Amino acid sequence: MNRVVLAVSRAIARVTEAPLGRYQTAVIRIGFSATWLLFLLRELPHRHELYGPDGPWSWTLAQQLVADNGSFTALMWWDGRPWFEAVYALAVLSSVLLLLGWRTRTMSVLFMVGVLSLQNRSVFMGDGGDNVLHIMSIYLVFTRCAQVWSLDARRARRVREAHARGENVPDRTGPVLWGVLGFVLLTVTLADRFDGDWLVPVLLWMVWAAQCLWWCVQRIERTREPRILLDVIANTVHNGALLVIMAEACLIYATAGWYKVQGSRWQDGTAVYYPLHLDYFSPWPALADLLAASGTMVMLITYGTVAAQVAFPFTLFNRRVKNVLLAVMMVEHAAIAVVLGLPFFSLAMIAADAVFLPTSFLRRLGGWATRARGRLPRRRKPAGVPAQRGGNGAEGAGPPRVPQGHRRHRAHRAHRPPRTPRAPTADT
């Protein structure tokens, strides 16, 4: 009995004390925001035909569909090209800022609004990856995905260093940003622009109120207990959302694999042959013909795809087998992007698979990126700015550099008596 209680207490402490999967959620944030951003930039010349006023799915048809299924899209609030351009620009900007990790909580909400607004406007535009992106954009709102590899993490580190030095760093951007968004949300709510949808408005108001409460508690003195309580709640919500993301990825592979098992073409090993001969899925016809020419290769790819998708959820109980199969699935999605011409579907699935990547590998990946950035040539200082000298308290400052013309006098100066140190000036 005591062991059970101890195990339960350890599990509760693990869930509530800290956010789990910090590196995994950071990779998910970067992967999905990059996928959506690349898609929006690629379709920038065709945005009016896909989601705008020039598309085959007119604004009237979209309004009828939204009224029937109760989906959320900000493009139905007002008709016209200027409003569409504003929503499209917001989707691009929020993707960039979420990718960089700037004000991640706010940007995750705006990212979700952009994804839902464009995809629900024209539901027939997509290749399967849009469904994954649609779901994951909602889950990202509940995660603390900016703990590492983000501008927010760097800003938080600088604030902690300033507090350690006894300095106070006020946050003016956060209150202004959430005040503006609260005014917009209030205006839209009073104007009754949600068209019967209640899930997304409730979510937006909950996130807005929670962020305001978080900011107020962080700024009030002598509120250690409320801070701890809010941090425990945030960690619990994050870990729950992370578990849901993992379950969603497993569900995608399990359903896809078991549905393939029921198909006759997948049973006889010829299912991969047919999409290789469709013009829509053949960006490289010569490569597709080369793969389709070998019956053995087609059979191996067909059966291997089914076996990998069906077995993937069960491999999570063995770390080594999971890592091997995870690498196989990512390679398979990369091959789909090249052979079948579905890059954004593959990027979305690879981003979803990243939740299962081992933390040690992601840390090494971050270390490689840091060393690669350190090898880049640094910007030279402008003329007239004196170089930092050793002993001035700067971290990493080396000994003073001796000019070339004075190196030959170094031995002679070594026998001189020491000089009285000069008082530091403002230019030092």
Protein backbone atom coordinates (compact mmCIF):
# COMPACT_ATOMS: atom_id res chain seq x y z
CA MET A 1 0.00 0.00 0.00
CA ASN A 2 2.79 2.38 0.86
CA ARG A 3 4.50 1.63 -2.44
CA VAL A 4 1.34 2.43 -4.34
CA VAL A 5 0.91 5.72 -2.51
CA LEU A 6 4.56 6.57 -3.11
CA ALA A 7 4.27 5.76 -6.82
CA VAL A 8 1.13 7.86 -7.16
CA SER A 9 2.74 10.79 -5.34
CA ARG A 10 5.80 10.57 -7.60
CA ALA A 11 3.60 10.52 -10.70
CA ILE A 12 1.63 13.54 -9.51
CA ALA A 13 4.84 15.40 -8.71
CA ARG A 14 6.27 14.56 -12.14
CA VAL A 15 3.18 15.88 -13.89
CA THR A 16 2.83 19.07 -11.86
CA GLU A 17 6.37 20.15 -11.02
CA ALA A 18 7.72 20.84 -14.52
CA PRO A 19 6.62 20.75 -18.15
CA LEU A 20 7.63 17.48 -19.79
CA GLY A 21 8.97 17.20 -23.32
CA ARG A 22 10.27 20.76 -23.55
CA TYR A 23 12.46 20.00 -26.56
CA GLN A 24 9.77 17.91 -28.24
CA THR A 25 7.14 20.62 -27.96
CA ALA A 26 9.64 23.18 -29.24
CA VAL A 27 10.25 21.02 -32.31
CA ILE A 28 6.49 20.66 -32.81
CA ARG A 29 6.08 24.44 -32.58
CA ILE A 30 8.85 25.04 -35.10
CA GLY A 31 7.72 22.24 -37.42
CA PHE A 32 4.05 23.14 -37.71
CA SER A 33 4.63 26.90 -37.92
CA ALA A 34 7.26 26.36 -40.63
CA THR A 35 4.94 24.02 -42.55
CA TRP A 36 2.07 26.49 -42.51
CA LEU A 37 4.35 29.41 -43.34
CA LEU A 38 5.90 27.67 -46.33
CA PHE A 39 2.46 26.71 -47.59
CA LEU A 40 1.17 30.28 -47.30
CA LEU A 41 4.22 31.68 -49.06
CA ARG A 42 4.03 29.14 -51.87
CA GLU A 43 0.35 29.84 -52.46
CA LEU A 44 0.75 33.60 -52.15
CA PRO A 45 0.13 34.22 -55.90
CA HIS A 46 -2.91 31.89 -55.80
CA ARG A 47 -4.38 32.89 -52.43
CA HIS A 48 -7.45 34.54 -53.96
CA GLU A 49 -8.37 31.38 -55.88
CA LEU A 50 -7.77 29.08 -52.92
CA TYR A 51 -9.34 30.93 -50.01
CA GLY A 52 -10.29 34.36 -51.30
CA PRO A 53 -13.12 35.99 -53.23
CA ASP A 54 -12.01 34.57 -56.59
CA GLY A 55 -12.24 30.93 -55.55
CA PRO A 56 -14.75 28.39 -56.90
CA TRP A 57 -16.10 27.96 -53.38
CA SER A 58 -17.81 31.32 -53.11
CA TRP A 59 -18.38 33.37 -49.98
CA THR A 60 -22.10 32.51 -50.05
CA LEU A 61 -21.43 28.77 -50.17
CA ALA A 62 -18.87 29.08 -47.37
CA GLN A 63 -21.38 31.00 -45.27
CA GLN A 64 -23.96 28.25 -45.74
CA LEU A 65 -21.42 25.57 -44.84
CA VAL A 66 -20.31 27.41 -41.71
CA ALA A 67 -23.93 27.85 -40.66
CA ASP A 68 -24.51 24.10 -41.03
CA ASN A 69 -21.42 22.68 -39.31
CA GLY A 70 -20.74 25.55 -36.88
CA SER A 71 -17.04 25.80 -37.75
CA PHE A 72 -14.94 28.86 -37.00
CA THR A 73 -13.49 31.15 -39.64
CA ALA A 74 -12.73 34.85 -39.34
CA LEU A 75 -13.11 35.24 -43.10
CA MET A 76 -16.89 35.03 -42.65
CA TRP A 77 -17.00 38.13 -40.44
CA TRP A 78 -16.79 40.55 -43.35
CA ASP A 79 -16.80 40.08 -47.11
CA GLY A 80 -14.31 41.77 -49.36
CA ARG A 81 -10.73 41.68 -50.52
CA PRO A 82 -9.22 44.01 -47.83
CA TRP A 83 -10.45 41.81 -44.98
CA PHE A 84 -9.15 38.68 -46.70
CA GLU A 85 -5.73 40.27 -47.19
CA ALA A 86 -5.65 41.28 -43.52
CA VAL A 87 -6.45 37.74 -42.33
CA TYR A 88 -3.92 36.22 -44.72
CA ALA A 89 -1.23 38.65 -43.57
CA LEU A 90 -2.09 37.85 -39.95
CA ALA A 91 -1.66 34.14 -40.67
CA VAL A 92 1.77 34.72 -42.22
CA LEU A 93 2.94 37.05 -39.44
CA SER A 94 1.77 34.77 -36.63
CA SER A 95 3.53 31.81 -38.27
CA VAL A 96 6.81 33.72 -38.42
CA LEU A 97 6.60 34.91 -34.82
CA LEU A 98 5.55 31.49 -33.53
CA LEU A 99 8.47 29.95 -35.39
CA LEU A 100 10.82 32.38 -33.62
CA GLY A 101 9.07 31.92 -30.29
CA TRP A 102 8.20 35.57 -29.68
CA ARG A 103 5.27 36.00 -27.25
CA THR A 104 4.49 32.40 -27.91
CA ARG A 105 1.23 32.17 -26.01
CA THR A 106 -0.27 35.05 -27.98
CA MET A 107 1.17 33.87 -31.27
CA SER A 108 -0.12 30.33 -30.75
CA VAL A 109 -3.65 31.71 -30.42
CA LEU A 110 -3.27 33.88 -33.52
CA PHE A 111 -1.70 30.94 -35.35
CA MET A 112 -4.73 28.80 -34.51
CA VAL A 113 -7.08 31.57 -35.67
CA GLY A 114 -5.21 31.85 -38.99
CA VAL A 115 -5.21 28.11 -39.62
CA LEU A 116 -8.89 27.64 -38.79
CA SER A 117 -9.97 30.75 -40.69
CA LEU A 118 -8.32 29.78 -43.98
CA GLN A 119 -8.96 26.03 -43.86
CA ASN A 120 -12.61 26.32 -42.85
CA ARG A 121 -13.18 28.89 -45.60
CA SER A 122 -12.44 26.31 -48.32
CA VAL A 123 -12.64 22.83 -46.85
CA PHE A 124 -11.80 21.06 -50.12
CA MET A 125 -8.32 22.57 -50.37
CA GLY A 126 -5.68 20.31 -48.86
CA ASP A 127 -3.80 17.05 -49.18
CA GLY A 128 -4.30 15.42 -45.77
CA GLY A 129 -1.61 17.38 -43.99
CA ASP A 130 -4.09 20.20 -43.48
CA ASN A 131 -6.15 17.96 -41.18
CA VAL A 132 -3.12 17.27 -38.99
CA LEU A 133 -2.21 20.96 -38.93
CA HIS A 134 -5.82 21.85 -38.15
CA ILE A 135 -5.88 19.67 -35.03
CA MET A 136 -2.36 20.39 -33.83
CA SER A 137 -2.84 24.16 -34.05
CA ILE A 138 -5.49 23.84 -31.32
CA TYR A 139 -3.32 21.61 -29.14
CA LEU A 140 -0.37 24.01 -29.36
CA VAL A 141 -2.37 26.67 -27.50
CA PHE A 142 -2.31 24.52 -24.35
CA THR A 143 1.41 23.72 -24.42
CA ARG A 144 4.35 25.64 -22.98
CA CYS A 145 6.27 25.23 -26.21
CA ALA A 146 8.66 28.16 -25.71
CA GLN A 147 10.73 26.76 -22.83
CA VAL A 148 13.71 26.22 -25.14
CA TRP A 149 14.80 27.39 -28.59
CA SER A 150 12.74 30.58 -28.58
CA LEU A 151 13.06 34.31 -28.13
CA ASP A 152 10.86 34.02 -25.05
CA ALA A 153 13.37 31.67 -23.42
CA ARG A 154 16.19 34.12 -24.11
CA ARG A 155 14.13 37.02 -22.76
CA ALA A 156 13.27 35.05 -19.61
CA ARG A 157 16.94 34.22 -19.08
CA ARG A 158 17.89 37.88 -19.36
CA VAL A 159 15.16 38.86 -16.92
CA ARG A 160 16.41 36.32 -14.38
CA GLU A 161 19.94 37.64 -14.76
CA ALA A 162 18.70 41.19 -14.26
CA HIS A 163 16.76 40.19 -11.14
CA ALA A 164 19.88 38.48 -9.79
CA ARG A 165 21.69 41.80 -10.16
CA GLY A 166 18.88 43.57 -8.33
CA GLU A 167 17.49 45.25 -11.45
CA ASN A 168 13.82 45.51 -12.34
CA VAL A 169 12.86 44.81 -15.97
CA PRO A 170 9.29 45.95 -16.66
CA ASP A 171 7.27 44.17 -19.34
CA ARG A 172 5.37 46.72 -21.41
CA THR A 173 4.83 44.72 -24.58
CA GLY A 174 2.77 41.96 -22.98
CA PRO A 175 0.05 44.14 -21.41
CA VAL A 176 -0.24 46.29 -24.54
CA LEU A 177 -0.51 43.24 -26.78
CA TRP A 178 -3.14 41.51 -24.68
CA GLY A 179 -5.04 44.78 -24.18
CA VAL A 180 -5.33 45.27 -27.93
CA LEU A 181 -6.36 41.65 -28.49
CA GLY A 182 -8.91 41.89 -25.67
CA PHE A 183 -10.44 44.96 -27.28
CA VAL A 184 -10.66 43.19 -30.64
CA LEU A 185 -12.16 40.09 -29.05
CA LEU A 186 -14.71 42.15 -27.16
CA THR A 187 -15.66 44.02 -30.33
CA VAL A 188 -16.13 40.83 -32.32
CA THR A 189 -18.15 39.23 -29.51
CA LEU A 190 -20.49 42.21 -29.15
CA ALA A 191 -20.92 42.34 -32.93
CA ASP A 192 -22.02 38.67 -32.85
CA ARG A 193 -19.61 37.60 -35.58
CA PHE A 194 -19.06 34.04 -34.38
CA ASP A 195 -22.18 32.74 -36.18
CA GLY A 196 -23.30 30.25 -33.54
CA ASP A 197 -19.86 28.76 -32.92
CA TRP A 198 -19.08 28.65 -29.22
CA LEU A 199 -16.00 26.44 -28.79
CA VAL A 200 -13.38 28.78 -30.28
CA PRO A 201 -14.79 31.97 -28.66
CA VAL A 202 -14.82 30.31 -25.25
CA LEU A 203 -11.27 29.11 -25.79
CA LEU A 204 -10.13 32.59 -26.83
CA TRP A 205 -11.71 34.23 -23.80
CA MET A 206 -10.28 31.58 -21.44
CA VAL A 207 -6.76 32.03 -22.79
CA TRP A 208 -7.04 35.81 -22.66
CA ALA A 209 -8.29 35.79 -19.06
CA ALA A 210 -5.68 33.24 -17.97
CA GLN A 211 -2.89 35.31 -19.47
CA CYS A 212 -4.12 38.46 -17.76
CA LEU A 213 -4.32 36.63 -14.44
CA TRP A 214 -0.82 35.25 -14.94
CA TRP A 215 0.61 38.70 -15.66
CA CYS A 216 -1.10 40.27 -12.65
CA VAL A 217 0.07 37.57 -10.23
CA GLN A 218 3.64 37.80 -11.52
CA ARG A 219 3.71 41.56 -10.88
CA ILE A 220 2.17 41.60 -7.40
CA GLU A 221 4.55 41.35 -4.48
CA ARG A 222 4.24 38.65 -1.83
CA THR A 223 2.28 36.27 -4.04
CA ARG A 224 4.52 33.21 -3.90
CA GLU A 225 1.70 30.72 -3.30
CA PRO A 226 -0.53 31.95 -6.17
CA ARG A 227 2.47 31.86 -8.49
CA ILE A 228 3.22 28.28 -7.55
CA LEU A 229 -0.44 27.34 -8.02
CA LEU A 230 -0.62 28.91 -11.49
CA ASP A 231 2.64 27.24 -12.46
CA VAL A 232 1.30 23.85 -11.34
CA ILE A 233 -1.88 24.38 -13.38
CA ALA A 234 0.13 25.43 -16.45
CA ASN A 235 2.39 22.39 -16.14
CA THR A 236 -0.58 20.05 -15.77
CA VAL A 237 -2.34 21.51 -18.82
CA HIS A 238 0.88 21.34 -20.83
CA ASN A 239 1.56 17.71 -19.94
CA GLY A 240 -2.04 16.78 -20.68
CA ALA A 241 -1.86 18.45 -24.09
CA LEU A 242 1.43 16.68 -24.79
CA LEU A 243 -0.20 13.34 -23.98
CA VAL A 244 -3.09 14.17 -26.31
CA ILE A 245 -0.66 15.05 -29.13
CA MET A 246 1.10 11.72 -28.71
CA ALA A 247 -2.20 9.86 -28.66
CA GLU A 248 -3.34 11.75 -31.77
CA ALA A 249 -0.21 10.74 -33.68
CA CYS A 250 -0.68 7.11 -32.66
CA LEU A 251 -4.35 7.26 -33.67
CA ILE A 252 -3.46 8.63 -37.11
CA TYR A 253 -1.07 5.78 -37.81
CA ALA A 254 -3.28 3.10 -36.29
CA THR A 255 -6.39 4.09 -38.24
CA ALA A 256 -4.43 4.52 -41.48
CA GLY A 257 -2.78 1.13 -41.08
CA TRP A 258 -5.93 -0.81 -40.19
CA TYR A 259 -7.93 0.79 -42.99
CA LYS A 260 -5.19 -0.19 -45.42
CA VAL A 261 -5.36 -3.78 -44.18
CA GLN A 262 -9.00 -3.93 -45.28
CA GLY A 263 -8.24 -2.78 -48.84
CA SER A 264 -7.83 -5.40 -51.54
CA ARG A 265 -5.01 -3.50 -53.28
CA TRP A 266 -3.07 -3.31 -50.05
CA GLN A 267 -3.66 -7.00 -49.42
CA ASP A 268 -2.26 -8.09 -52.78
CA GLY A 269 0.70 -5.66 -52.53
CA THR A 270 -0.08 -3.43 -55.51
CA ALA A 271 -1.56 -0.30 -53.85
CA VAL A 272 1.59 1.82 -54.25
CA TYR A 273 1.67 1.14 -57.99
CA TYR A 274 -1.43 3.21 -58.82
CA PRO A 275 -0.60 6.63 -57.32
CA LEU A 276 2.80 6.45 -59.03
CA HIS A 277 1.00 6.61 -62.39
CA LEU A 278 -1.30 9.53 -61.59
CA ASP A 279 -0.23 12.77 -63.23
CA TYR A 280 -1.28 14.77 -60.19
CA PHE A 281 1.06 12.76 -57.94
CA SER A 282 3.99 12.46 -60.36
CA PRO A 283 6.28 15.51 -60.19
CA TRP A 284 9.16 13.27 -61.31
CA PRO A 285 7.71 10.77 -63.84
CA ALA A 286 11.07 9.11 -64.47
CA LEU A 287 11.55 8.39 -60.76
CA ALA A 288 7.98 7.09 -60.44
CA ASP A 289 8.45 4.80 -63.46
CA LEU A 290 11.70 3.50 -61.99
CA LEU A 291 9.99 2.51 -58.74
CA ALA A 292 6.92 1.09 -60.45
CA ALA A 293 8.99 -1.00 -62.86
CA SER A 294 10.02 -3.38 -60.07
CA GLY A 295 7.18 -5.51 -58.78
CA THR A 296 9.26 -6.61 -55.81
CA MET A 297 9.94 -3.01 -54.80
CA VAL A 298 6.26 -2.12 -55.08
CA MET A 299 5.27 -5.11 -52.94
CA LEU A 300 7.91 -4.35 -50.29
CA ILE A 301 6.88 -0.70 -50.03
CA THR A 302 3.19 -1.61 -49.85
CA TYR A 303 3.51 -4.24 -47.15
CA GLY A 304 6.19 -2.26 -45.31
CA THR A 305 3.96 0.80 -45.10
CA VAL A 306 1.08 -1.18 -43.64
CA ALA A 307 3.29 -3.04 -41.17
CA ALA A 308 5.01 0.16 -39.96
CA GLN A 309 1.75 2.05 -39.44
CA VAL A 310 0.00 -0.78 -37.63
CA ALA A 311 3.00 -1.56 -35.41
CA PHE A 312 3.98 2.01 -34.57
CA PRO A 313 1.73 2.49 -31.49
CA PHE A 314 2.98 -0.80 -30.02
CA THR A 315 6.66 0.12 -30.44
CA LEU A 316 6.33 2.91 -27.87
CA PHE A 317 6.89 0.34 -25.12
CA ASN A 318 10.44 -0.31 -26.39
CA ARG A 319 12.63 2.75 -26.82
CA ARG A 320 15.13 1.29 -29.27
CA VAL A 321 12.53 -0.25 -31.54
CA LYS A 322 10.53 2.98 -31.40
CA ASN A 323 13.52 5.08 -32.45
CA VAL A 324 14.31 2.78 -35.37
CA LEU A 325 10.72 2.74 -36.61
CA LEU A 326 10.44 6.48 -36.09
CA ALA A 327 13.42 7.05 -38.36
CA VAL A 328 11.84 4.73 -40.93
CA MET A 329 8.56 6.67 -40.82
CA MET A 330 10.34 10.00 -41.27
CA VAL A 331 12.31 8.67 -44.22
CA GLU A 332 9.08 7.35 -45.69
CA HIS A 333 7.42 10.76 -45.40
CA ALA A 334 10.44 12.41 -46.99
CA ALA A 335 10.17 9.94 -49.88
CA ILE A 336 6.46 10.75 -50.24
CA ALA A 337 7.32 14.44 -50.45
CA VAL A 338 9.73 13.81 -53.32
CA VAL A 339 8.10 10.97 -55.24
CA LEU A 340 4.42 11.92 -54.90
CA GLY A 341 4.88 15.69 -54.67
CA LEU A 342 3.24 16.12 -51.24
CA PRO A 343 5.80 18.22 -49.34
CA PHE A 344 3.44 19.88 -46.87
CA PHE A 345 1.70 16.66 -45.95
CA SER A 346 5.10 15.10 -45.28
CA LEU A 347 6.30 18.11 -43.26
CA ALA A 348 3.16 18.01 -41.13
CA MET A 349 3.56 14.31 -40.42
CA ILE A 350 7.27 14.65 -39.65
CA ALA A 351 6.43 17.47 -37.23
CA ALA A 352 3.86 15.22 -35.55
CA ASP A 353 6.40 12.39 -35.36
CA ALA A 354 8.88 14.72 -33.65
CA VAL A 355 6.97 14.39 -30.36
CA PHE A 356 8.52 10.92 -30.00
CA LEU A 357 12.12 11.97 -30.66
CA PRO A 358 14.51 11.24 -27.75
CA THR A 359 15.55 14.21 -25.67
CA SER A 360 19.25 13.32 -25.86
CA PHE A 361 19.16 13.51 -29.65
CA LEU A 362 17.38 16.87 -29.60
CA ARG A 363 19.91 18.27 -27.14
CA ARG A 364 22.76 17.13 -29.38
CA LEU A 365 20.95 18.69 -32.32
CA GLY A 366 20.71 21.96 -30.42
CA GLY A 367 24.40 21.76 -29.56
CA TRP A 368 25.31 21.23 -33.22
CA ALA A 369 23.21 24.23 -34.19
CA THR A 370 24.88 26.37 -31.53
CA ARG A 371 28.38 25.37 -32.67
CA ALA A 372 27.44 25.99 -36.30
CA ARG A 373 26.18 29.45 -35.39
CA GLY A 374 29.41 30.13 -33.49
CA ARG A 375 31.43 29.40 -36.62
CA LEU A 376 29.61 32.09 -38.58
CA PRO A 377 31.58 35.31 -39.12
CA ARG A 378 30.63 37.89 -36.54
CA ARG A 379 29.79 41.44 -37.39
CA ARG A 380 32.70 43.82 -37.06
CA LYS A 381 32.50 46.67 -34.62
CA PRO A 382 32.15 50.15 -36.12
CA ALA A 383 35.16 52.42 -36.22
CA GLY A 384 35.77 54.48 -33.13
CA VAL A 385 34.41 51.91 -30.67
CA PRO A 386 37.21 50.79 -28.31
CA ALA A 387 37.67 47.06 -27.81
CA GLN A 388 37.01 45.56 -24.41
CA ARG A 389 40.08 44.93 -22.31
CA GLY A 390 40.77 42.10 -19.93
CA GLY A 391 39.93 42.71 -16.32
CA ASN A 392 36.92 44.95 -17.04
CA GLY A 393 34.47 42.32 -15.82
CA ALA A 394 33.28 41.24 -19.28
CA GLU A 395 32.67 37.54 -19.56
CA GLY A 396 35.07 35.80 -21.87
CA ALA A 397 37.33 38.85 -22.29
CA GLY A 398 40.92 37.88 -22.94
CA PRO A 399 44.19 39.76 -22.33
CA PRO A 400 44.69 43.12 -24.02
CA ARG A 401 45.77 42.87 -27.62
CA VAL A 402 49.25 44.19 -28.39
CA PRO A 403 49.57 46.20 -31.64
CA GLN A 404 51.90 44.82 -34.29
CA GLY A 405 54.27 47.78 -34.14
CA HIS A 406 54.87 47.43 -30.40
CA ARG A 407 55.46 43.67 -30.18
CA ARG A 408 59.22 44.05 -30.54
CA HIS A 409 59.28 46.27 -27.42
CA ARG A 410 57.49 43.67 -25.25
CA ALA A 411 60.70 42.32 -23.71
CA HIS A 412 61.97 45.84 -23.05
CA ARG A 413 58.71 46.88 -21.36
CA ALA A 414 58.81 43.82 -19.14
CA HIS A 415 61.75 45.36 -17.23
CA ARG A 416 59.97 48.67 -16.62
CA PRO A 417 58.47 49.42 -13.20
CA PRO A 418 54.68 48.95 -13.00
CA ARG A 419 52.53 51.97 -13.72
CA THR A 420 49.79 53.31 -11.54
CA PRO A 421 46.43 52.04 -12.92
CA ARG A 422 44.28 54.68 -14.58
CA ALA A 423 40.77 55.32 -13.41
CA PRO A 424 38.15 53.83 -15.76
CA THR A 425 36.28 56.23 -17.98
CA ALA A 426 32.94 56.09 -19.67
CA ASP A 427 34.47 54.80 -22.89
CA THR A 428 36.15 51.78 -21.27
